[in-house]
Amino acid sequence: MYALAIIRYRRPLEEVVNVTNAHRAYLGELKAQGILIASGPFDPRIGGGLLLRVPDGDVAGTLDRVRDNDPYVKSGMAQYELLAWNPGIGKEELDKL
């Protein structure tokens, strides 16, 4: 199963950037675990998006942990919208990543 995470900043960008290095280090951990496929900020920079690979048996639990452990969320800088996603077109290519 895959998921999309939409991250929206709750504080001004001037405050968010103070937590950005910790957030990016956290994303690096998710990437090393095989959970994060891709991530990046929106343009204009009002937040960002994540493409995630999550185990079929624990989709909700995994997504809750991804959100709750993000330094952006812990510091009140951002909120997540989490959408479980079952791609129909292109799934074979995603599975190879």
PDB file of N, CA and C in Angstrom:
ATOM      1  N   MET A   1       0.859  -1.174   0.000  1.00  0.00           N
ATOM      2  CA  MET A   1       0.000   0.000   0.000  1.00  0.00           C
ATOM      3  C   MET A   1       0.900   1.231   0.000  1.00  0.00           C
ATOM      4  N   TYR A   2       0.399   2.259  -0.575  1.00  0.00           N
ATOM      5  CA  TYR A   2       1.097   3.538  -0.620  1.00  0.00           C
ATOM      6  C   TYR A   2       0.238   4.585   0.084  1.00  0.00           C
ATOM      7  N   ALA A   3       0.835   5.728   0.338  1.00  0.00           N
ATOM      8  CA  ALA A   3       0.098   6.827   0.948  1.00  0.00           C
ATOM      9  C   ALA A   3       0.710   8.146   0.506  1.00  0.00           C
ATOM     10  N   LEU A   4      -0.130   9.158   0.526  1.00  0.00           N
ATOM     11  CA  LEU A   4       0.300  10.532   0.281  1.00  0.00           C
ATOM     12  C   LEU A   4       0.135  11.300   1.586  1.00  0.00           C
ATOM     13  N   ALA A   5       1.128  12.063   1.909  1.00  0.00           N
ATOM     14  CA  ALA A   5       1.047  12.936   3.079  1.00  0.00           C
ATOM     15  C   ALA A   5       1.173  14.371   2.590  1.00  0.00           C
ATOM     16  N   ILE A   6       0.184  15.165   2.910  1.00  0.00           N
ATOM     17  CA  ILE A   6       0.211  16.583   2.592  1.00  0.00           C
ATOM     18  C   ILE A   6       0.506  17.309   3.895  1.00  0.00           C
ATOM     19  N   ILE A   7       1.599  18.050   3.903  1.00  0.00           N
ATOM     20  CA  ILE A   7       2.020  18.785   5.093  1.00  0.00           C
ATOM     21  C   ILE A   7       1.733  20.262   4.849  1.00  0.00           C
ATOM     22  N   ARG A   8       1.003  20.854   5.780  1.00  0.00           N
ATOM     23  CA  ARG A   8       0.685  22.282   5.675  1.00  0.00           C
ATOM     24  C   ARG A   8       1.269  22.993   6.889  1.00  0.00           C
ATOM     25  N   TYR A   9       2.008  24.062   6.612  1.00  0.00           N
ATOM     26  CA  TYR A   9       2.589  24.840   7.704  1.00  0.00           C
ATOM     27  C   TYR A   9       1.489  25.539   8.486  1.00  0.00           C
ATOM     28  N   ARG A  10       1.659  25.565   9.806  1.00  0.00           N
ATOM     29  CA  ARG A  10       0.725  26.242  10.705  1.00  0.00           C
ATOM     30  C   ARG A  10       1.323  27.530  11.251  1.00  0.00           C
ATOM     31  N   ARG A  11       2.601  27.730  11.010  1.00  0.00           N
ATOM     32  CA  ARG A  11       3.319  28.904  11.515  1.00  0.00           C
ATOM     33  C   ARG A  11       3.989  29.594  10.322  1.00  0.00           C
ATOM     34  N   PRO A  12       4.411  30.841  10.488  1.00  0.00           N
ATOM     35  CA  PRO A  12       5.111  31.536   9.400  1.00  0.00           C
ATOM     36  C   PRO A  12       6.391  30.791   9.000  1.00  0.00           C
ATOM     37  N   LEU A  13       6.741  30.893   7.737  1.00  0.00           N
ATOM     38  CA  LEU A  13       7.918  30.212   7.206  1.00  0.00           C
ATOM     39  C   LEU A  13       9.178  30.573   7.999  1.00  0.00           C
ATOM     40  N   GLU A  14       9.267  31.799   8.485  1.00  0.00           N
ATOM     41  CA  GLU A  14      10.426  32.230   9.269  1.00  0.00           C
ATOM     42  C   GLU A  14      10.604  31.379  10.524  1.00  0.00           C
ATOM     43  N   GLU A  15       9.512  30.849  11.064  1.00  0.00           N
ATOM     44  CA  GLU A  15       9.585  29.962  12.227  1.00  0.00           C
ATOM     45  C   GLU A  15       9.810  28.510  11.795  1.00  0.00           C
ATOM     46  N   VAL A  16       9.168  28.126  10.718  1.00  0.00           N
ATOM     47  CA  VAL A  16       9.267  26.745  10.225  1.00  0.00           C
ATOM     48  C   VAL A  16      10.712  26.386   9.893  1.00  0.00           C
ATOM     49  N   VAL A  17      11.456  27.313   9.295  1.00  0.00           N
ATOM     50  CA  VAL A  17      12.823  26.997   8.872  1.00  0.00           C
ATOM     51  C   VAL A  17      13.732  26.647  10.048  1.00  0.00           C
ATOM     52  N   ASN A  18      13.358  27.051  11.244  1.00  0.00           N
ATOM     53  CA  ASN A  18      14.153  26.703  12.422  1.00  0.00           C
ATOM     54  C   ASN A  18      14.083  25.214  12.759  1.00  0.00           C
ATOM     55  N   VAL A  19      13.096  24.526  12.232  1.00  0.00           N
ATOM     56  CA  VAL A  19      12.896  23.102  12.505  1.00  0.00           C
ATOM     57  C   VAL A  19      13.168  22.260  11.253  1.00  0.00           C
ATOM     58  N   THR A  20      13.448  22.913  10.137  1.00  0.00           N
ATOM     59  CA  THR A  20      13.580  22.207   8.863  1.00  0.00           C
ATOM     60  C   THR A  20      14.702  21.178   8.872  1.00  0.00           C
ATOM     61  N   ASN A  21      15.848  21.475   9.465  1.00  0.00           N
ATOM     62  CA  ASN A  21      16.935  20.483   9.477  1.00  0.00           C
ATOM     63  C   ASN A  21      16.533  19.223  10.233  1.00  0.00           C
ATOM     64  N   ALA A  22      15.849  19.374  11.358  1.00  0.00           N
ATOM     65  CA  ALA A  22      15.384  18.210  12.120  1.00  0.00           C
ATOM     66  C   ALA A  22      14.344  17.426  11.322  1.00  0.00           C
ATOM     67  N   HIS A  23      13.452  18.133  10.642  1.00  0.00           N
ATOM     68  CA  HIS A  23      12.440  17.499   9.797  1.00  0.00           C
ATOM     69  C   HIS A  23      13.113  16.702   8.683  1.00  0.00           C
ATOM     70  N   ARG A  24      14.095  17.277   8.027  1.00  0.00           N
ATOM     71  CA  ARG A  24      14.782  16.587   6.932  1.00  0.00           C
ATOM     72  C   ARG A  24      15.578  15.390   7.435  1.00  0.00           C
ATOM     73  N   ALA A  25      16.165  15.490   8.612  1.00  0.00           N
ATOM     74  CA  ALA A  25      16.862  14.339   9.195  1.00  0.00           C
ATOM     75  C   ALA A  25      15.864  13.214   9.469  1.00  0.00           C
ATOM     76  N   TYR A  26      14.698  13.565   9.945  1.00  0.00           N
ATOM     77  CA  TYR A  26      13.645  12.579  10.180  1.00  0.00           C
ATOM     78  C   TYR A  26      13.227  11.914   8.867  1.00  0.00           C
ATOM     79  N   LEU A  27      13.072  12.707   7.824  1.00  0.00           N
ATOM     80  CA  LEU A  27      12.721  12.130   6.523  1.00  0.00           C
ATOM     81  C   LEU A  27      13.814  11.189   6.033  1.00  0.00           C
ATOM     82  N   GLY A  28      15.072  11.515   6.316  1.00  0.00           N
ATOM     83  CA  GLY A  28      16.175  10.625   5.965  1.00  0.00           C
ATOM     84  C   GLY A  28      16.042   9.274   6.663  1.00  0.00           C
ATOM     85  N   GLU A  29      15.587   9.284   7.908  1.00  0.00           N
ATOM     86  CA  GLU A  29      15.355   8.031   8.640  1.00  0.00           C
ATOM     87  C   GLU A  29      14.237   7.225   7.979  1.00  0.00           C
ATOM     88  N   LEU A  30      13.158   7.909   7.586  1.00  0.00           N
ATOM     89  CA  LEU A  30      12.056   7.223   6.915  1.00  0.00           C
ATOM     90  C   LEU A  30      12.514   6.627   5.586  1.00  0.00           C
ATOM     91  N   LYS A  31      13.369   7.346   4.888  1.00  0.00           N
ATOM     92  CA  LYS A  31      13.904   6.852   3.607  1.00  0.00           C
ATOM     93  C   LYS A  31      14.750   5.598   3.854  1.00  0.00           C
ATOM     94  N   ALA A  32      15.595   5.615   4.865  1.00  0.00           N
ATOM     95  CA  ALA A  32      16.447   4.469   5.189  1.00  0.00           C
ATOM     96  C   ALA A  32      15.616   3.250   5.585  1.00  0.00           C
ATOM     97  N   GLN A  33      14.442   3.478   6.181  1.00  0.00           N
ATOM     98  CA  GLN A  33      13.551   2.393   6.577  1.00  0.00           C
ATOM     99  C   GLN A  33      12.721   1.860   5.417  1.00  0.00           C
ATOM    100  N   GLY A  34      12.792   2.524   4.261  1.00  0.00           N
ATOM    101  CA  GLY A  34      12.012   2.100   3.111  1.00  0.00           C
ATOM    102  C   GLY A  34      10.581   2.608   3.106  1.00  0.00           C
ATOM    103  N   ILE A  35      10.260   3.525   4.006  1.00  0.00           N
ATOM    104  CA  ILE A  35       8.903   4.071   4.087  1.00  0.00           C
ATOM    105  C   ILE A  35       8.737   5.254   3.137  1.00  0.00           C
ATOM    106  N   LEU A  36       9.702   6.145   3.106  1.00  0.00           N
ATOM    107  CA  LEU A  36       9.632   7.338   2.257  1.00  0.00           C
ATOM    108  C   LEU A  36      10.189   7.028   0.881  1.00  0.00           C
ATOM    109  N   ILE A  37       9.408   7.331  -0.153  1.00  0.00           N
ATOM    110  CA  ILE A  37       9.863   7.186  -1.530  1.00  0.00           C
ATOM    111  C   ILE A  37      10.371   8.518  -2.052  1.00  0.00           C
ATOM    112  N   ALA A  38       9.604   9.583  -1.817  1.00  0.00           N
ATOM    113  CA  ALA A  38       9.991  10.908  -2.309  1.00  0.00           C
ATOM    114  C   ALA A  38       9.334  11.966  -1.433  1.00  0.00           C
ATOM    115  N   SER A  39       9.970  13.143  -1.392  1.00  0.00           N
ATOM    116  CA  SER A  39       9.408  14.253  -0.624  1.00  0.00           C
ATOM    117  C   SER A  39       9.908  15.562  -1.206  1.00  0.00           C
ATOM    118  N   GLY A  40       9.214  16.628  -0.856  1.00  0.00           N
ATOM    119  CA  GLY A  40       9.667  17.941  -1.274  1.00  0.00           C
ATOM    120  C   GLY A  40       8.661  19.019  -0.926  1.00  0.00           C
ATOM    121  N   PRO A  41       9.121  20.273  -0.921  1.00  0.00           N
ATOM    122  CA  PRO A  41       8.235  21.391  -0.590  1.00  0.00           C
ATOM    123  C   PRO A  41       7.335  21.754  -1.764  1.00  0.00           C
ATOM    124  N   PHE A  42       6.204  22.367  -1.439  1.00  0.00           N
ATOM    125  CA  PHE A  42       5.324  22.917  -2.462  1.00  0.00           C
ATOM    126  C   PHE A  42       5.889  24.253  -2.932  1.00  0.00           C
ATOM    127  N   ASP A  43       5.417  24.702  -4.075  1.00  0.00           N
ATOM    128  CA  ASP A  43       5.811  25.995  -4.628  1.00  0.00           C
ATOM    129  C   ASP A  43       4.541  26.752  -4.979  1.00  0.00           C
ATOM    130  N   PRO A  44       4.177  27.786  -4.224  1.00  0.00           N
ATOM    131  CA  PRO A  44       4.954  28.443  -3.191  1.00  0.00           C
ATOM    132  C   PRO A  44       5.061  27.570  -1.938  1.00  0.00           C
ATOM    133  N   ARG A  45       6.016  27.903  -1.095  1.00  0.00           N
ATOM    134  CA  ARG A  45       6.365  27.069   0.054  1.00  0.00           C
ATOM    135  C   ARG A  45       5.386  27.279   1.216  1.00  0.00           C
ATOM    136  N   ILE A  46       4.254  26.602   1.087  1.00  0.00           N
ATOM    137  CA  ILE A  46       3.217  26.628   2.123  1.00  0.00           C
ATOM    138  C   ILE A  46       3.164  25.300   2.878  1.00  0.00           C
ATOM    139  N   GLY A  47       4.048  24.395   2.516  1.00  0.00           N
ATOM    140  CA  GLY A  47       4.089  23.058   3.085  1.00  0.00           C
ATOM    141  C   GLY A  47       4.825  22.151   2.125  1.00  0.00           C
ATOM    142  N   GLY A  48       4.508  20.865   2.186  1.00  0.00           N
ATOM    143  CA  GLY A  48       5.183  19.920   1.309  1.00  0.00           C
ATOM    144  C   GLY A  48       4.407  18.631   1.196  1.00  0.00           C
ATOM    145  N   GLY A  49       4.966  17.702   0.427  1.00  0.00           N
ATOM    146  CA  GLY A  49       4.305  16.429   0.210  1.00  0.00           C
ATOM    147  C   GLY A  49       5.273  15.273   0.348  1.00  0.00           C
ATOM    148  N   LEU A  50       4.734  14.131   0.760  1.00  0.00           N
ATOM    149  CA  LEU A  50       5.503  12.902   0.885  1.00  0.00           C
ATOM    150  C   LEU A  50       4.781  11.793   0.135  1.00  0.00           C
ATOM    151  N   LEU A  51       5.533  10.960  -0.548  1.00  0.00           N
ATOM    152  CA  LEU A  51       5.023   9.728  -1.126  1.00  0.00           C
ATOM    153  C   LEU A  51       5.590   8.603  -0.276  1.00  0.00           C
ATOM    154  N   LEU A  52       4.707   7.807   0.320  1.00  0.00           N
ATOM    155  CA  LEU A  52       5.103   6.806   1.305  1.00  0.00           C
ATOM    156  C   LEU A  52       4.715   5.399   0.860  1.00  0.00           C
ATOM    157  N   ARG A  53       5.522   4.435   1.264  1.00  0.00           N
ATOM    158  CA  ARG A  53       5.195   3.019   1.119  1.00  0.00           C
ATOM    159  C   ARG A  53       4.922   2.496   2.525  1.00  0.00           C
ATOM    160  N   VAL A  54       3.735   1.939   2.737  1.00  0.00           N
ATOM    161  CA  VAL A  54       3.359   1.478   4.071  1.00  0.00           C
ATOM    162  C   VAL A  54       2.923   0.015   4.016  1.00  0.00           C
ATOM    163  N   PRO A  55       3.195  -0.738   5.092  1.00  0.00           N
ATOM    164  CA  PRO A  55       2.807  -2.155   5.097  1.00  0.00           C
ATOM    165  C   PRO A  55       1.290  -2.306   5.088  1.00  0.00           C
ATOM    166  N   ASP A  56       0.798  -3.249   4.290  1.00  0.00           N
ATOM    167  CA  ASP A  56      -0.650  -3.458   4.168  1.00  0.00           C
ATOM    168  C   ASP A  56      -1.307  -3.784   5.500  1.00  0.00           C
ATOM    169  N   GLY A  57      -0.602  -4.474   6.379  1.00  0.00           N
ATOM    170  CA  GLY A  57      -1.199  -4.908   7.630  1.00  0.00           C
ATOM    171  C   GLY A  57      -1.296  -3.841   8.702  1.00  0.00           C
ATOM    172  N   ASP A  58      -0.651  -2.689   8.502  1.00  0.00           N
ATOM    173  CA  ASP A  58      -0.649  -1.648   9.540  1.00  0.00           C
ATOM    174  C   ASP A  58      -0.612  -0.258   8.905  1.00  0.00           C
ATOM    175  N   VAL A  59      -1.495  -0.018   7.983  1.00  0.00           N
ATOM    176  CA  VAL A  59      -1.506   1.263   7.276  1.00  0.00           C
ATOM    177  C   VAL A  59      -1.756   2.407   8.253  1.00  0.00           C
ATOM    178  N   ALA A  60      -2.832   2.326   9.017  1.00  0.00           N
ATOM    179  CA  ALA A  60      -3.192   3.429   9.922  1.00  0.00           C
ATOM    180  C   ALA A  60      -2.116   3.651  10.968  1.00  0.00           C
ATOM    181  N   GLY A  61      -1.602   2.586  11.557  1.00  0.00           N
ATOM    182  CA  GLY A  61      -0.576   2.720  12.589  1.00  0.00           C
ATOM    183  C   GLY A  61       0.695   3.336  12.054  1.00  0.00           C
ATOM    184  N   THR A  62       1.109   2.901  10.868  1.00  0.00           N
ATOM    185  CA  THR A  62       2.323   3.450  10.259  1.00  0.00           C
ATOM    186  C   THR A  62       2.145   4.927   9.952  1.00  0.00           C
ATOM    187  N   LEU A  63       1.019   5.292   9.380  1.00  0.00           N
ATOM    188  CA  LEU A  63       0.783   6.697   9.032  1.00  0.00           C
ATOM    189  C   LEU A  63       0.711   7.562  10.286  1.00  0.00           C
ATOM    190  N   ASP A  64       0.089   7.059  11.342  1.00  0.00           N
ATOM    191  CA  ASP A  64       0.052   7.813  12.601  1.00  0.00           C
ATOM    192  C   ASP A  64       1.465   8.045  13.128  1.00  0.00           C
ATOM    193  N   ARG A  65       2.317   7.018  13.082  1.00  0.00           N
ATOM    194  CA  ARG A  65       3.697   7.161  13.570  1.00  0.00           C
ATOM    195  C   ARG A  65       4.497   8.129  12.702  1.00  0.00           C
ATOM    196  N   VAL A  66       4.309   8.070  11.388  1.00  0.00           N
ATOM    197  CA  VAL A  66       5.011   9.006  10.495  1.00  0.00           C
ATOM    198  C   VAL A  66       4.671  10.436  10.887  1.00  0.00           C
ATOM    199  N   ARG A  67       3.404  10.700  11.055  1.00  0.00           N
ATOM    200  CA  ARG A  67       2.955  12.057  11.425  1.00  0.00           C
ATOM    201  C   ARG A  67       3.428  12.438  12.820  1.00  0.00           C
ATOM    202  N   ASP A  68       3.165  11.600  13.787  1.00  0.00           N
ATOM    203  CA  ASP A  68       3.396  11.960  15.184  1.00  0.00           C
ATOM    204  C   ASP A  68       4.871  12.122  15.533  1.00  0.00           C
ATOM    205  N   ASN A  69       5.762  11.485  14.794  1.00  0.00           N
ATOM    206  CA  ASN A  69       7.198  11.574  15.078  1.00  0.00           C
ATOM    207  C   ASN A  69       7.912  12.667  14.297  1.00  0.00           C
ATOM    208  N   ASP A  70       7.201  13.368  13.430  1.00  0.00           N
ATOM    209  CA  ASP A  70       7.822  14.429  12.637  1.00  0.00           C
ATOM    210  C   ASP A  70       8.085  15.645  13.535  1.00  0.00           C
ATOM    211  N   PRO A  71       9.318  16.152  13.542  1.00  0.00           N
ATOM    212  CA  PRO A  71       9.611  17.357  14.330  1.00  0.00           C
ATOM    213  C   PRO A  71       8.710  18.549  13.996  1.00  0.00           C
ATOM    214  N   TYR A  72       8.253  18.647  12.769  1.00  0.00           N
ATOM    215  CA  TYR A  72       7.318  19.720  12.433  1.00  0.00           C
ATOM    216  C   TYR A  72       6.040  19.609  13.266  1.00  0.00           C
ATOM    217  N   VAL A  73       5.525  18.413  13.408  1.00  0.00           N
ATOM    218  CA  VAL A  73       4.299  18.201  14.175  1.00  0.00           C
ATOM    219  C   VAL A  73       4.577  18.363  15.669  1.00  0.00           C
ATOM    220  N   LYS A  74       5.664  17.760  16.134  1.00  0.00           N
ATOM    221  CA  LYS A  74       5.998  17.843  17.561  1.00  0.00           C
ATOM    222  C   LYS A  74       6.169  19.279  18.032  1.00  0.00           C
ATOM    223  N   SER A  75       6.656  20.144  17.151  1.00  0.00           N
ATOM    224  CA  SER A  75       6.888  21.542  17.520  1.00  0.00           C
ATOM    225  C   SER A  75       5.712  22.457  17.183  1.00  0.00           C
ATOM    226  N   GLY A  76       4.647  21.890  16.613  1.00  0.00           N
ATOM    227  CA  GLY A  76       3.480  22.687  16.264  1.00  0.00           C
ATOM    228  C   GLY A  76       3.639  23.519  15.003  1.00  0.00           C
ATOM    229  N   MET A  77       4.650  23.217  14.188  1.00  0.00           N
ATOM    230  CA  MET A  77       4.908  23.990  12.975  1.00  0.00           C
ATOM    231  C   MET A  77       4.022  23.595  11.801  1.00  0.00           C
ATOM    232  N   ALA A  78       3.538  22.334  11.802  1.00  0.00           N
ATOM    233  CA  ALA A  78       2.796  21.860  10.636  1.00  0.00           C
ATOM    234  C   ALA A  78       1.761  20.828  11.046  1.00  0.00           C
ATOM    235  N   GLN A  79       0.836  20.599  10.139  1.00  0.00           N
ATOM    236  CA  GLN A  79      -0.151  19.542  10.307  1.00  0.00           C
ATOM    237  C   GLN A  79      -0.116  18.645   9.071  1.00  0.00           C
ATOM    238  N   TYR A  80      -0.511  17.409   9.243  1.00  0.00           N
ATOM    239  CA  TYR A  80      -0.515  16.427   8.165  1.00  0.00           C
ATOM    240  C   TYR A  80      -1.941  16.124   7.721  1.00  0.00           C
ATOM    241  N   GLU A  81      -2.101  15.865   6.433  1.00  0.00           N
ATOM    242  CA  GLU A  81      -3.276  15.193   5.900  1.00  0.00           C
ATOM    243  C   GLU A  81      -2.743  13.904   5.303  1.00  0.00           C
ATOM    244  N   LEU A  82      -3.217  12.767   5.785  1.00  0.00           N
ATOM    245  CA  LEU A  82      -2.713  11.460   5.373  1.00  0.00           C
ATOM    246  C   LEU A  82      -3.778  10.736   4.558  1.00  0.00           C
ATOM    247  N   LEU A  83      -3.378  10.284   3.376  1.00  0.00           N
ATOM    248  CA  LEU A  83      -4.307   9.623   2.471  1.00  0.00           C
ATOM    249  C   LEU A  83      -3.718   8.292   2.029  1.00  0.00           C
ATOM    250  N   ALA A  84      -4.315   7.183   2.475  1.00  0.00           N
ATOM    251  CA  ALA A  84      -3.899   5.881   1.966  1.00  0.00           C
ATOM    252  C   ALA A  84      -4.234   5.843   0.476  1.00  0.00           C
ATOM    253  N   TRP A  85      -3.356   5.228  -0.308  1.00  0.00           N
ATOM    254  CA  TRP A  85      -3.478   5.319  -1.760  1.00  0.00           C
ATOM    255  C   TRP A  85      -3.145   3.979  -2.380  1.00  0.00           C
ATOM    256  N   ASN A  86      -4.022   3.523  -3.243  1.00  0.00           N
ATOM    257  CA  ASN A  86      -3.819   2.273  -3.964  1.00  0.00           C
ATOM    258  C   ASN A  86      -3.758   2.596  -5.451  1.00  0.00           C
ATOM    259  N   PRO A  87      -2.560   2.935  -5.967  1.00  0.00           N
ATOM    260  CA  PRO A  87      -2.460   3.345  -7.368  1.00  0.00           C
ATOM    261  C   PRO A  87      -2.837   2.218  -8.313  1.00  0.00           C
ATOM    262  N   GLY A  88      -3.559   2.564  -9.352  1.00  0.00           N
ATOM    263  CA  GLY A  88      -3.924   1.582 -10.376  1.00  0.00           C
ATOM    264  C   GLY A  88      -2.974   1.638 -11.550  1.00  0.00           C
ATOM    265  N   ILE A  89      -2.585   2.820 -11.945  1.00  0.00           N
ATOM    266  CA  ILE A  89      -1.664   3.003 -13.068  1.00  0.00           C
ATOM    267  C   ILE A  89      -0.301   3.365 -12.503  1.00  0.00           C
ATOM    268  N   GLY A  90       0.722   2.640 -12.912  1.00  0.00           N
ATOM    269  CA  GLY A  90       2.078   2.927 -12.479  1.00  0.00           C
ATOM    270  C   GLY A  90       2.521   2.189 -11.233  1.00  0.00           C
ATOM    271  N   LYS A  91       1.654   1.338 -10.675  1.00  0.00           N
ATOM    272  CA  LYS A  91       2.004   0.620  -9.452  1.00  0.00           C
ATOM    273  C   LYS A  91       3.225  -0.267  -9.653  1.00  0.00           C
ATOM    274  N   GLU A  92       3.334  -0.893 -10.799  1.00  0.00           N
ATOM    275  CA  GLU A  92       4.479  -1.773 -11.061  1.00  0.00           C
ATOM    276  C   GLU A  92       5.797  -1.004 -10.985  1.00  0.00           C
ATOM    277  N   GLU A  93       5.802   0.211 -11.501  1.00  0.00           N
ATOM    278  CA  GLU A  93       7.008   1.026 -11.441  1.00  0.00           C
ATOM    279  C   GLU A  93       7.313   1.473 -10.013  1.00  0.00           C
ATOM    280  N   LEU A  94       6.278   1.829  -9.269  1.00  0.00           N
ATOM    281  CA  LEU A  94       6.484   2.201  -7.874  1.00  0.00           C
ATOM    282  C   LEU A  94       7.037   1.025  -7.077  1.00  0.00           C
ATOM    283  N   ASP A  95       6.519  -0.157  -7.319  1.00  0.00           N
ATOM    284  CA  ASP A  95       6.968  -1.340  -6.587  1.00  0.00           C
ATOM    285  C   ASP A  95       8.447  -1.627  -6.809  1.00  0.00           C
ATOM    286  N   LYS A  96       9.004  -1.159  -7.929  1.00  0.00           N
ATOM    287  CA  LYS A  96      10.421  -1.382  -8.234  1.00  0.00           C
ATOM    288  C   LYS A  96      11.335  -0.415  -7.476  1.00  0.00           C
ATOM    289  N   LEU A  97      10.782   0.670  -6.974  1.00  0.00           N
ATOM    290  CA  LEU A  97      11.589   1.661  -6.257  1.00  0.00           C
ATOM    291  C   LEU A  97      11.985   1.176  -4.881  1.00  0.00           C
TER     292      LEU A  97
END
